């Protein structure tokens, strides 16, 4: 049965059905939603690029009664039954309200715009000026078009105004600004509760539950189905769904690549499978599968699909030294309520953003894990970028250089590489880490106090850098008489690294003291032919300015001038750093 409530147009769902991608039938969930949540608003959180918008578009066509689009799908029988009555649908895509060039005023104009789009779709005119009053007016007028004075409300990306606001500009990461947006959004979403008797079904989707925390206190009857087992596969493909719907494509790609279907399925499983929202049911990210089908090769499509500036800035501001979260135990309450965005720990944010997913053991206890290879690679990339300066557009530029320099066994080349890496560390990340670790020195000049990160901060950043590059690195490795700051192992080479902050501006003096400590404490005694490096750090310039090195056949020192040119290098058998070899530019 089809009833025309609105001006007909091609929906996203209809357009998808016209494409060459088979639609994985999720319509069997729709009658369940229709009958389970009568005048009770529902919330669903899923990571970005996970099919939320297609779901909302399909629900729009379902509730409107466009039976011709569901021929052959499981919802068709229900839509033709006496239990189903089509209703007019209000669909708000909150990502269209993100023109935040002048703050909340622009946000309000964007909200009014999407309300007016819906008013035009249903042939009604709105007169109220405030977004919340206009929203209520729209609900009243659209509901009056239904025989039972009720309509359906679908809100896609409810949290987009906050997420896009933070991602738009580094300076907008501001608690006061977030609160200002919340003050606009709360009364707007409060309308859902005050107009509840006109809303037969309401669904809100988003990436996070905490981006606009006030919404959930205003809508105390909001049913969160994000972790409900019966809706765990509402978005994404199960293994059975992938193999059933995409078997011809998988077989074709297997033939083209001269590989077995089972081997290709294993590759897809390792790269794209593993997201879980109840701890048990696992699904594929549909966006990555669609791109694999289009491109015919395994790649990191999710990472490349959109801006992760928001997450990058979050990691910088939280000074998140991301370790391996695989197996991290969490409570069910934490999974459901990770807390306000200003307070949640990194694992709470990463779980909500989709970079970590749920696992449930045999005892019913929950833990976090990386869903698959694609996300783990994305996390490595983002973690490195969060450490680096904004001018660094990709961590890939370091991969080949690092392996080449470590393979060389040459302390000069290694120092030059470490120096470049430290220079690319983000000012914001270093400052945030210094505050978090309480490792800094303060300098006063012209009435202003400047905090400079200490040795521990640089130690942690370098450790993270080596670790994310899949290089074995150990901090504070114990020797017979003490602990080295870092020990890095690569192939047959071992690098023992000591970091010393120049307290009086003399980086070379600091580097010499570090080398004296390495030798006095026998840091390299446990290794065969270790390369010893002592780095003198300049706290004001935030860089490695000097290095004293020693290996089985090389000893000497390096120093960088104010322009960054490395000179005054001593190399050769038993070269004493104090002997003052001739200056030589090696930059």
Protein backbone atom coordinates (compact mmCIF):
# COMPACT_ATOMS: atom_id res chain seq x y z
CA UNK A 1 0.00 0.00 0.00
CA UNK A 2 1.39 3.39 -0.97
CA UNK A 3 0.05 6.70 0.29
CA UNK A 4 1.42 9.97 -1.03
CA UNK A 5 2.22 12.31 1.87
CA UNK A 6 5.07 14.23 0.30
CA UNK A 7 6.40 15.38 -3.03
CA UNK A 8 7.94 12.33 -4.67
CA UNK A 9 11.67 12.34 -5.23
CA UNK A 10 14.37 9.73 -5.61
CA UNK A 11 15.63 8.72 -2.19
CA UNK A 12 19.14 7.57 -1.33
CA UNK A 13 17.69 4.09 -0.87
CA UNK A 14 16.07 4.13 -4.31
CA UNK A 15 19.30 5.36 -5.91
CA UNK A 16 21.26 2.59 -4.18
CA UNK A 17 18.83 -0.02 -5.52
CA UNK A 18 19.57 1.30 -9.02
CA UNK A 19 23.33 0.75 -8.55
CA UNK A 20 25.15 -2.48 -9.31
CA UNK A 21 25.72 -3.22 -5.60
CA UNK A 22 23.30 -5.82 -4.25
CA UNK A 23 21.29 -4.51 -1.29
CA UNK A 24 21.90 -6.64 1.77
CA UNK A 25 18.34 -6.95 3.00
CA UNK A 26 18.03 -5.30 6.39
CA UNK A 27 14.30 -4.65 5.95
CA UNK A 28 13.40 -7.56 8.23
CA UNK A 29 14.40 -5.26 11.10
CA UNK A 30 11.85 -2.62 10.08
CA UNK A 31 8.61 -4.32 11.21
CA UNK A 32 10.36 -5.11 14.49
CA UNK A 33 11.18 -1.41 14.97
CA UNK A 34 7.68 -0.41 13.88
CA UNK A 35 5.98 -2.65 16.43
CA UNK A 36 8.50 -2.43 19.29
CA UNK A 37 8.81 1.34 19.70
CA UNK A 38 5.36 2.89 19.60
CA UNK A 39 5.64 6.57 20.55
CA UNK A 40 9.02 5.79 22.11
CA UNK A 41 12.10 7.52 20.60
CA UNK A 42 15.06 5.30 19.69
CA UNK A 43 18.80 6.05 19.50
CA UNK A 44 21.40 4.16 17.46
CA UNK A 45 25.15 4.91 17.56
CA UNK A 46 27.42 3.53 14.87
CA UNK A 47 30.84 4.62 13.53
CA UNK A 48 31.05 6.96 10.56
CA UNK A 49 30.68 5.46 7.11
CA UNK A 50 28.75 2.51 8.51
CA UNK A 51 25.51 2.73 6.54
CA UNK A 52 23.50 4.92 8.93
CA UNK A 53 22.31 7.30 6.20
CA UNK A 54 21.24 4.43 3.92
CA UNK A 55 19.37 2.91 6.86
CA UNK A 56 17.56 6.19 7.53
CA UNK A 57 16.69 6.57 3.83
CA UNK A 58 15.33 2.99 3.70
CA UNK A 59 13.25 3.61 6.83
CA UNK A 60 11.90 6.80 5.25
CA UNK A 61 10.65 4.82 2.24
CA UNK A 62 9.37 2.02 4.48
CA UNK A 63 7.28 4.25 6.75
CA UNK A 64 6.04 6.29 3.78
CA UNK A 65 4.75 3.05 2.27
CA UNK A 66 6.77 2.88 -0.96
CA UNK A 67 6.10 -0.82 -1.43
CA UNK A 68 7.47 -0.85 -4.98
CA UNK A 69 10.97 -0.35 -3.55
CA UNK A 70 10.66 -3.38 -1.25
CA UNK A 71 9.52 -5.97 -3.76
CA UNK A 72 11.34 -9.21 -3.00
CA UNK A 73 12.61 -7.93 0.35
CA UNK A 74 11.46 -9.29 3.70
CA UNK A 75 9.51 -6.16 4.67
CA UNK A 76 7.24 -6.42 1.61
CA UNK A 77 4.75 -8.82 3.20
CA UNK A 78 4.40 -6.71 6.33
CA UNK A 79 3.92 -3.52 4.31
CA UNK A 80 1.02 -5.16 2.47
CA UNK A 81 -0.60 -6.44 5.66
CA UNK A 82 -3.39 -4.89 7.74
CA UNK A 83 -0.92 -4.29 10.59
CA UNK A 84 0.90 -1.59 8.68
CA UNK A 85 -0.24 1.97 8.08
CA UNK A 86 1.98 4.39 6.13
CA UNK A 87 2.67 7.75 7.71
CA UNK A 88 4.30 11.00 6.67
CA UNK A 89 8.00 11.18 7.50
CA UNK A 90 10.13 14.11 8.69
CA UNK A 91 13.76 13.39 7.94
CA UNK A 92 16.44 15.73 9.28
CA UNK A 93 20.04 15.35 8.19
CA UNK A 94 21.85 17.37 10.85
CA UNK A 95 25.07 17.35 8.82
CA UNK A 96 23.34 19.95 6.64
CA UNK A 97 23.20 22.32 9.63
CA UNK A 98 26.97 22.65 9.90
CA UNK A 99 27.59 26.04 8.28
CA UNK A 100 29.29 27.33 11.40
CA UNK A 101 31.18 30.27 9.93
CA UNK A 102 29.83 32.65 12.57
CA UNK A 103 29.04 30.26 15.41
CA UNK A 104 25.61 29.46 16.78
CA UNK A 105 23.80 32.04 14.65
CA UNK A 106 24.88 30.18 11.54
CA UNK A 107 23.92 26.90 13.20
CA UNK A 108 20.40 28.22 13.82
CA UNK A 109 20.08 29.26 10.18
CA UNK A 110 21.17 25.78 9.12
CA UNK A 111 18.58 24.18 11.41
CA UNK A 112 15.83 26.40 10.01
CA UNK A 113 16.96 25.49 6.49
CA UNK A 114 16.53 21.72 6.99
CA UNK A 115 13.15 22.30 8.66
CA UNK A 116 12.02 24.37 5.68
CA UNK A 117 13.20 21.64 3.29
CA UNK A 118 10.86 19.23 5.06
CA UNK A 119 8.05 21.77 5.11
CA UNK A 120 8.36 22.17 1.34
CA UNK A 121 8.42 18.42 0.91
CA UNK A 122 5.08 18.12 2.72
CA UNK A 123 3.51 21.26 1.29
CA UNK A 124 3.16 23.17 4.58
CA UNK A 125 4.28 26.66 5.54
CA UNK A 126 6.11 27.51 8.75
CA UNK A 127 5.88 30.85 10.54
CA UNK A 128 7.77 30.42 13.82
CA UNK A 129 11.24 32.01 14.02
CA UNK A 130 13.12 30.02 16.68
CA UNK A 131 14.38 26.60 15.51
CA UNK A 132 12.67 24.71 18.37
CA UNK A 133 9.31 26.47 17.82
CA UNK A 134 9.58 25.95 14.08
CA UNK A 135 10.40 22.27 14.67
CA UNK A 136 7.29 21.79 16.83
CA UNK A 137 5.19 23.60 14.24
CA UNK A 138 6.49 21.29 11.51
CA UNK A 139 5.67 18.17 13.55
CA UNK A 140 2.12 19.40 14.25
CA UNK A 141 1.40 20.26 10.62
CA UNK A 142 2.91 17.10 9.12
CA UNK A 143 1.20 14.82 11.68
CA UNK A 144 -2.17 16.38 10.79
CA UNK A 145 -1.81 14.88 7.30
CA UNK A 146 -2.08 11.34 8.73
CA UNK A 147 -5.43 9.72 9.57
CA UNK A 148 -4.33 9.15 13.17
CA UNK A 149 -2.55 12.52 13.56
CA UNK A 150 0.89 10.98 13.90
CA UNK A 151 4.06 11.01 11.82
CA UNK A 152 7.54 9.50 11.81
CA UNK A 153 10.69 11.44 12.73
CA UNK A 154 14.13 10.34 11.50
CA UNK A 155 17.19 12.36 12.57
CA UNK A 156 20.46 11.37 10.93
CA UNK A 157 23.84 12.38 12.44
CA UNK A 158 22.28 14.12 15.43
CA UNK A 159 25.77 14.92 16.79
CA UNK A 160 27.13 16.43 13.57
CA UNK A 161 26.81 20.08 14.69
CA UNK A 162 29.21 19.44 17.57
CA UNK A 163 31.61 17.12 15.74
CA UNK A 164 31.91 19.39 12.69
CA UNK A 165 32.30 22.46 14.88
CA UNK A 166 35.31 20.98 16.62
CA UNK A 167 36.82 19.60 13.41
CA UNK A 168 36.46 22.85 11.45
CA UNK A 169 39.28 24.75 13.15
CA UNK A 170 41.91 23.93 15.75
CA UNK A 171 40.97 27.01 17.77
CA UNK A 172 37.34 25.84 18.04
CA UNK A 173 38.24 23.04 20.45
CA UNK A 174 36.69 25.09 23.20
CA UNK A 175 34.49 23.90 26.06
CA UNK A 176 32.59 27.19 26.11
CA UNK A 177 31.78 26.89 22.43
CA UNK A 178 30.66 23.30 22.85
CA UNK A 179 28.35 24.43 25.65
CA UNK A 180 26.99 27.23 23.46
CA UNK A 181 26.06 24.69 20.79
CA UNK A 182 24.52 22.43 23.41
CA UNK A 183 22.32 25.31 24.57
CA UNK A 184 20.97 25.61 21.03
CA UNK A 185 20.54 21.86 20.51
CA UNK A 186 18.92 20.96 23.83
CA UNK A 187 15.66 22.88 23.37
CA UNK A 188 15.56 21.75 19.75
CA UNK A 189 15.74 18.07 20.70
CA UNK A 190 13.47 18.68 23.71
CA UNK A 191 10.73 19.22 21.12
CA UNK A 192 10.77 15.47 20.50
CA UNK A 193 9.51 14.90 24.03
CA UNK A 194 6.94 17.70 24.06
CA UNK A 195 5.56 16.54 20.69
CA UNK A 196 5.75 12.86 21.59
CA UNK A 197 2.04 12.16 21.10
CA UNK A 198 2.39 13.09 17.41
CA UNK A 199 5.47 10.92 16.79
CA UNK A 200 4.52 7.30 16.07
CA UNK A 201 8.18 6.39 15.60
CA UNK A 202 11.37 8.39 16.20
CA UNK A 203 14.97 7.40 15.44
CA UNK A 204 18.16 9.39 16.12
CA UNK A 205 21.47 8.16 14.70
CA UNK A 206 24.97 9.43 15.39
CA UNK A 207 28.61 8.56 15.82
CA UNK A 208 28.75 9.18 19.56
CA UNK A 209 26.45 9.25 22.52
CA UNK A 210 28.34 11.92 24.43
CA UNK A 211 28.80 14.66 21.84
CA UNK A 212 25.65 16.40 23.07
CA UNK A 213 25.25 14.86 26.48
CA UNK A 214 22.34 17.12 27.45
CA UNK A 215 20.10 15.50 24.85
CA UNK A 216 19.89 12.30 26.84
CA UNK A 217 18.92 14.06 30.04
CA UNK A 218 16.20 15.97 28.17
CA UNK A 219 14.89 12.81 26.47
CA UNK A 220 14.75 10.55 29.50
CA UNK A 221 12.48 8.14 27.60
CA UNK A 222 14.99 7.68 24.76
CA UNK A 223 15.63 3.98 24.14
CA UNK A 224 19.27 3.29 23.29
CA UNK A 225 19.51 0.20 21.06
CA UNK A 226 23.18 0.69 20.18
CA UNK A 227 24.27 -2.38 22.17
CA UNK A 228 21.03 -4.39 21.94
CA UNK A 229 21.85 -7.90 20.65
CA UNK A 230 18.71 -8.05 18.49
CA UNK A 231 19.88 -4.97 16.54
CA UNK A 232 23.62 -5.75 16.49
CA UNK A 233 23.53 -6.43 12.72
CA UNK A 234 21.20 -3.55 11.80
CA UNK A 235 24.17 -1.83 10.14
CA UNK A 236 27.06 -3.73 8.58
CA UNK A 237 27.26 -7.18 6.96
CA UNK A 238 27.57 -10.47 8.79
CA UNK A 239 29.85 -13.12 7.30
CA UNK A 240 26.83 -15.05 6.02
CA UNK A 241 25.35 -11.90 4.43
CA UNK A 242 28.60 -11.10 2.65
CA UNK A 243 29.01 -14.58 1.20
CA UNK A 244 25.33 -14.84 0.18
CA UNK A 245 24.96 -11.43 -1.48
CA UNK A 246 28.41 -10.92 -2.95
CA UNK A 247 29.42 -14.44 -3.95
CA UNK A 248 29.57 -13.65 -7.72
CA UNK A 249 31.80 -10.64 -7.12
CA UNK A 250 34.10 -12.50 -4.76
CA UNK A 251 34.43 -15.40 -7.20
CA UNK A 252 35.20 -12.95 -10.03
CA UNK A 253 37.92 -11.17 -8.04
CA UNK A 254 39.40 -14.48 -6.96
CA UNK A 255 39.72 -15.57 -10.60
CA UNK A 256 41.21 -12.23 -11.64
CA UNK A 257 43.82 -12.44 -8.89
CA UNK A 258 44.46 -16.17 -9.44
CA UNK A 259 43.67 -17.04 -5.87
CA UNK A 260 41.25 -19.32 -4.07
CA UNK A 261 37.90 -17.95 -2.92
CA UNK A 262 38.68 -19.15 0.61
CA UNK A 263 41.95 -17.18 0.60
CA UNK A 264 40.21 -14.02 -0.60
CA UNK A 265 37.49 -14.40 2.03
CA UNK A 266 40.18 -14.73 4.70
CA UNK A 267 41.84 -11.53 3.47
CA UNK A 268 38.53 -9.64 3.58
CA UNK A 269 37.82 -11.04 7.02
CA UNK A 270 41.21 -9.99 8.38
CA UNK A 271 40.99 -6.48 6.90
CA UNK A 272 37.33 -5.46 7.24
CA UNK A 273 35.48 -7.82 9.60
CA UNK A 274 35.22 -7.71 13.37
CA UNK A 275 33.08 -4.72 14.38
CA UNK A 276 30.83 -5.72 17.27
CA UNK A 277 28.28 -3.66 19.14
CA UNK A 278 27.04 -6.31 21.57
CA UNK A 279 30.29 -8.19 22.15
CA UNK A 280 29.16 -11.25 20.17
CA UNK A 281 27.78 -10.49 16.70
CA UNK A 282 30.49 -9.37 14.30
CA UNK A 283 30.01 -7.45 11.08
CA UNK A 284 31.88 -5.95 8.15
CA UNK A 285 32.10 -2.23 7.53
CA UNK A 286 29.92 -1.90 4.37
CA UNK A 287 31.81 1.18 3.14
CA UNK A 288 35.08 -0.74 2.94
CA UNK A 289 33.40 -3.69 1.23
CA UNK A 290 31.77 -1.43 -1.38
CA UNK A 291 35.11 0.19 -2.12
CA UNK A 292 36.84 -3.16 -2.35
CA UNK A 293 34.22 -4.29 -4.86
CA UNK A 294 34.69 -1.10 -6.89
CA UNK A 295 38.48 -0.93 -6.82
CA UNK A 296 39.25 -4.63 -6.78
CA UNK A 297 42.03 -4.36 -4.24
CA UNK A 298 42.50 -4.40 -0.47
CA UNK A 299 43.21 -0.92 0.83
CA UNK A 300 42.58 1.32 3.81
CA UNK A 301 39.34 2.84 2.52
CA UNK A 302 37.83 3.79 5.88
CA UNK A 303 40.77 5.98 6.88
CA UNK A 304 40.79 7.68 3.49
CA UNK A 305 37.02 8.24 3.39
CA UNK A 306 36.87 11.45 5.37
CA UNK A 307 38.46 13.88 7.76
CA UNK A 308 39.69 12.53 11.07
CA UNK A 309 40.81 15.97 12.20
CA UNK A 310 38.37 15.73 15.11
CA UNK A 311 39.99 12.55 16.41
CA UNK A 312 43.49 13.88 15.74
CA UNK A 313 42.81 17.02 17.79
CA UNK A 314 41.20 14.92 20.52
CA UNK A 315 44.32 12.79 20.78
CA UNK A 316 46.51 15.89 20.86
CA UNK A 317 44.48 17.60 23.56
CA UNK A 318 44.21 14.45 25.67
CA UNK A 319 47.93 13.73 25.26
CA UNK A 320 46.88 10.20 24.45
CA UNK A 321 49.86 7.88 24.33
CA UNK A 322 47.89 5.14 22.66
CA UNK A 323 49.08 1.73 23.63
CA UNK A 324 47.64 -1.60 22.64
CA UNK A 325 44.06 -1.56 23.87
CA UNK A 326 43.47 -5.13 22.76
CA UNK A 327 41.94 -7.00 25.69
CA UNK A 328 41.34 -3.92 27.87
CA UNK A 329 38.59 -4.88 30.32
CA UNK A 330 35.62 -2.50 30.61
CA UNK A 331 32.26 -2.56 32.34
CA UNK A 332 28.92 -2.69 30.55
CA UNK A 333 28.11 0.67 32.12
CA UNK A 334 31.23 2.21 30.61
CA UNK A 335 30.35 0.81 27.17
CA UNK A 336 26.89 2.40 27.39
CA UNK A 337 27.90 5.66 29.08
CA UNK A 338 31.48 6.70 28.24
CA UNK A 339 30.94 10.16 29.76
CA UNK A 340 31.12 13.76 28.50
CA UNK A 341 33.55 14.39 25.68
CA UNK A 342 35.61 16.70 27.90
CA UNK A 343 36.15 13.95 30.48
CA UNK A 344 36.06 10.56 28.78
CA UNK A 345 39.39 8.68 28.61
CA UNK A 346 40.90 7.92 25.19
CA UNK A 347 39.51 4.38 25.13
CA UNK A 348 35.97 5.73 25.66
CA UNK A 349 36.26 8.06 22.72
CA UNK A 350 37.94 5.50 20.48
CA UNK A 351 35.23 2.96 21.23
CA UNK A 352 32.45 5.41 20.37
CA UNK A 353 34.26 6.51 17.20
CA UNK A 354 34.61 2.91 15.99
CA UNK A 355 38.38 2.51 16.37
CA UNK A 356 37.81 0.04 19.20
CA UNK A 357 35.02 -2.50 19.38
CA UNK A 358 33.46 -4.80 21.96
CA UNK A 359 34.36 -8.38 22.72
CA UNK A 360 32.56 -10.63 25.24
CA UNK A 361 34.25 -13.63 26.83
CA UNK A 362 32.65 -16.88 27.96
CA UNK A 363 31.90 -15.35 31.37
CA UNK A 364 30.00 -12.44 29.83
CA UNK A 365 32.74 -9.90 30.65
CA UNK A 366 33.42 -7.13 28.13
CA UNK A 367 36.73 -5.94 26.74
CA UNK A 368 37.90 -3.69 23.91
CA UNK A 369 39.79 -4.67 20.81
CA UNK A 370 40.74 -3.33 17.40
CA UNK A 371 38.07 -4.63 15.00
CA UNK A 372 40.34 -5.56 12.11
CA UNK A 373 43.52 -4.84 10.17
CA UNK A 374 42.13 -1.79 8.41
CA UNK A 375 41.24 -0.03 11.66
CA UNK A 376 44.50 -1.02 13.34
CA UNK A 377 46.42 0.57 10.45
CA UNK A 378 44.21 3.66 10.65
CA UNK A 379 44.86 3.92 14.37
CA UNK A 380 48.60 3.70 13.80
CA UNK A 381 48.42 6.45 11.19
CA UNK A 382 46.24 8.74 13.34
CA UNK A 383 48.28 8.13 16.46
CA UNK A 384 51.44 9.22 14.65
CA UNK A 385 49.72 12.20 13.03
CA UNK A 386 48.41 13.31 16.41
CA UNK A 387 52.01 13.50 17.60
CA UNK A 388 53.20 15.35 14.52
CA UNK A 389 52.94 18.97 13.46
CA UNK A 390 49.96 19.93 11.27
CA UNK A 391 52.30 20.33 8.30
CA UNK A 392 52.86 16.58 8.28
CA UNK A 393 50.09 15.26 6.04
CA UNK A 394 50.96 11.59 6.36
CA UNK A 395 53.09 9.40 8.55
CA UNK A 396 54.06 7.36 5.53
CA UNK A 397 56.95 9.70 4.77
CA UNK A 398 58.80 8.32 7.82
CA UNK A 399 58.42 4.58 7.18
CA UNK A 400 61.10 4.05 4.52
CA UNK A 401 63.43 6.61 6.07
CA UNK A 402 63.29 4.96 9.50
CA UNK A 403 63.96 1.43 8.27
CA UNK A 404 66.78 2.69 6.04
CA UNK A 405 68.52 4.60 8.82
CA UNK A 406 68.19 1.81 11.42
CA UNK A 407 69.44 -0.73 8.90
CA UNK A 408 72.55 1.36 8.31
CA UNK A 409 73.90 1.05 11.85
CA UNK A 410 75.33 4.55 11.36
CA UNK A 411 74.81 6.77 14.45
CA UNK A 412 75.07 9.93 12.35
CA UNK A 413 72.21 8.89 10.07
CA UNK A 414 70.14 7.77 13.06
CA UNK A 415 70.63 11.10 14.84
CA UNK A 416 69.65 13.03 11.74
CA UNK A 417 66.44 11.00 11.46
CA UNK A 418 65.53 11.34 15.15
CA UNK A 419 66.18 15.06 14.92
CA UNK A 420 63.76 15.39 11.98
CA UNK A 421 61.12 13.36 13.82
CA UNK A 422 61.38 15.47 17.00
CA UNK A 423 61.11 18.62 14.88
CA UNK A 424 57.79 17.34 13.53
CA UNK A 425 56.28 16.62 16.93
CA UNK A 426 53.17 18.77 17.37
CA UNK A 427 53.51 21.78 19.68
CA UNK A 428 50.00 21.12 21.02
CA UNK A 429 50.72 17.46 21.70
CA UNK A 430 54.01 18.16 23.46
CA UNK A 431 52.42 20.86 25.62
CA UNK A 432 49.42 18.69 26.51
CA UNK A 433 51.70 15.79 27.41
CA UNK A 434 53.91 18.02 29.54
CA UNK A 435 50.86 19.18 31.51
CA UNK A 436 49.52 15.66 31.88
CA UNK A 437 52.84 14.19 33.00
CA UNK A 438 53.81 17.27 35.02
CA UNK A 439 57.15 17.16 33.23
CA UNK A 440 58.16 20.67 32.25
CA UNK A 441 60.29 23.65 33.19
CA UNK A 442 58.94 27.17 33.37
CA UNK A 443 60.67 30.24 31.97
CA UNK A 444 59.46 33.80 32.53
CA UNK A 445 60.06 36.51 29.92
CA UNK A 446 58.34 39.89 29.61
CA UNK A 447 55.80 38.85 32.19
CA UNK A 448 54.87 35.66 30.34
CA UNK A 449 55.55 32.17 31.67
CA UNK A 450 56.51 29.54 29.10
CA UNK A 451 56.43 25.83 29.83
CA UNK A 452 58.94 23.62 28.06
CA UNK A 453 58.44 19.82 27.91
CA UNK A 454 60.93 17.70 29.82
CA UNK A 455 62.91 14.58 28.97
CA UNK A 456 60.10 12.17 29.90
CA UNK A 457 57.77 13.74 27.32
CA UNK A 458 60.29 13.28 24.51
CA UNK A 459 61.05 9.79 25.73
CA UNK A 460 57.36 8.81 25.51
CA UNK A 461 56.91 10.40 22.10
CA UNK A 462 59.95 8.64 20.64
CA UNK A 463 58.87 5.35 22.20
CA UNK A 464 55.44 5.76 20.61
CA UNK A 465 56.99 6.64 17.27
CA UNK A 466 59.22 3.56 17.14
CA UNK A 467 56.46 1.28 18.42
CA UNK A 468 53.91 2.46 15.86
CA UNK A 469 56.50 1.84 13.15
CA UNK A 470 56.65 -1.80 14.32
CA UNK A 471 60.18 -1.35 15.61
CA UNK A 472 61.06 -3.03 18.90
CA UNK A 473 61.64 -0.22 21.40
CA UNK A 474 61.86 -0.46 25.18
CA UNK A 475 61.85 2.47 27.56
CA UNK A 476 64.00 2.53 30.69
CA UNK A 477 65.60 -0.81 29.91
CA UNK A 478 67.38 -2.01 33.04
CA UNK A 479 71.09 -2.74 32.87
CA UNK A 480 73.46 -3.95 35.53
CA UNK A 481 73.80 -0.48 37.07
CA UNK A 482 70.81 1.51 35.80
CA UNK A 483 68.21 2.11 33.11
CA UNK A 484 68.64 3.51 29.62
CA UNK A 485 65.95 5.90 28.39
CA UNK A 486 65.36 3.90 25.19
CA UNK A 487 66.69 0.72 23.66
CA UNK A 488 65.79 0.18 20.00
CA UNK A 489 66.36 -3.18 18.26
CA UNK A 490 66.31 -3.50 14.47
CA UNK A 491 67.70 -6.54 12.63
CA UNK A 492 71.24 -7.07 13.98
CA UNK A 493 71.53 -3.53 15.37
CA UNK A 494 70.86 -2.30 18.90
CA UNK A 495 70.64 1.42 19.66
CA UNK A 496 70.95 2.58 23.27
CA UNK A 497 69.59 6.12 23.52
CA UNK A 498 69.87 8.60 26.39
CA UNK A 499 68.02 11.94 26.40
CA UNK A 500 69.35 14.94 28.32
CA UNK A 501 67.69 18.33 28.54
CA UNK A 502 70.12 21.26 28.43
CA UNK A 503 69.43 23.20 31.60
CA UNK A 504 71.62 26.18 30.69
CA UNK A 505 71.18 26.12 26.91
CA UNK A 506 74.34 24.09 26.24
CA UNK A 507 72.99 21.04 24.39
CA UNK A 508 76.47 19.64 23.74
CA UNK A 509 77.31 19.68 27.42
CA UNK A 510 74.03 17.85 28.14
CA UNK A 511 74.85 15.24 25.46
CA UNK A 512 78.32 14.68 26.95
CA UNK A 513 76.81 14.13 30.40
CA UNK A 514 74.39 11.63 28.90
CA UNK A 515 77.20 9.67 27.28
CA UNK A 516 79.15 9.69 30.53
CA UNK A 517 76.06 8.23 32.23
CA UNK A 518 75.69 5.54 29.54
CA UNK A 519 79.27 4.43 30.08
CA UNK A 520 79.26 4.74 33.85
CA UNK A 521 76.06 2.70 34.16
CA UNK A 522 77.06 0.18 31.45
CA UNK A 523 73.76 0.58 29.60
CA UNK A 524 75.11 -1.16 26.52
CA UNK A 525 76.86 -4.06 28.23
CA UNK A 526 74.05 -6.55 27.57
CA UNK A 527 74.24 -6.14 23.79
CA UNK A 528 76.69 -7.14 21.08
CA UNK A 529 78.25 -4.11 19.40
CA UNK A 530 75.61 -1.59 20.51
CA UNK A 531 75.36 1.89 19.04
CA UNK A 532 75.32 4.40 21.90
CA UNK A 533 73.62 7.76 21.35
CA UNK A 534 73.25 10.60 23.84
CA UNK A 535 70.99 13.42 22.63
CA UNK A 536 71.21 16.95 24.00
CA UNK A 537 67.77 18.61 23.87
CA UNK A 538 67.20 22.35 23.62
CA UNK A 539 64.13 23.14 25.75
CA UNK A 540 63.47 26.51 24.12
CA UNK A 541 63.72 25.37 20.51
CA UNK A 542 62.17 21.99 21.32
CA UNK A 543 64.71 20.09 19.27
CA UNK A 544 67.68 17.77 19.51
CA UNK A 545 70.64 20.13 19.06
CA UNK A 546 73.56 17.86 19.85
CA UNK A 547 74.58 14.22 19.93
CA UNK A 548 77.52 12.26 21.30
CA UNK A 549 77.78 8.79 19.78
CA UNK A 550 79.85 5.68 20.13
CA UNK A 551 79.87 2.36 18.32
CA UNK A 552 82.34 -0.44 17.73
CA UNK A 553 84.25 1.59 15.14
CA UNK A 554 82.90 5.13 15.44
CA UNK A 555 82.98 7.77 18.14
CA UNK A 556 82.31 11.45 17.87
CA UNK A 557 79.86 14.24 18.26
CA UNK A 558 77.40 16.30 16.25
CA UNK A 559 75.92 19.72 16.81
CA UNK A 560 73.26 21.70 14.91
CA UNK A 561 73.59 25.46 14.42
CA UNK A 562 70.73 27.98 14.62
CA UNK A 563 69.86 27.28 10.96
CA UNK A 564 69.61 23.55 11.56
CA UNK A 565 72.83 22.63 9.78
CA UNK A 566 74.63 19.73 11.45
CA UNK A 567 78.37 20.22 11.68
CA UNK A 568 81.50 19.68 13.84
CA UNK A 569 81.45 15.94 13.47
CA UNK A 570 84.15 13.67 14.79
CA UNK A 571 84.31 10.18 13.32
CA UNK A 572 86.86 7.40 13.49
CA UNK A 573 88.48 4.99 15.86
CA UNK A 574 88.39 6.17 19.49
CA UNK A 575 87.49 9.73 18.50
CA UNK A 576 87.14 11.78 21.69
CA UNK A 577 84.28 14.29 21.62
CA UNK A 578 86.47 16.74 23.56
CA UNK A 579 89.24 16.66 20.97
CA UNK A 580 87.45 19.13 18.74
CA UNK A 581 87.63 17.67 15.23
CA UNK A 582 87.46 19.98 12.25
CA UNK A 583 84.02 21.37 11.49
CA UNK A 584 82.25 19.59 8.70
CA UNK A 585 78.74 20.16 7.33
CA UNK A 586 76.75 16.93 7.08
CA UNK A 587 73.23 18.35 6.92
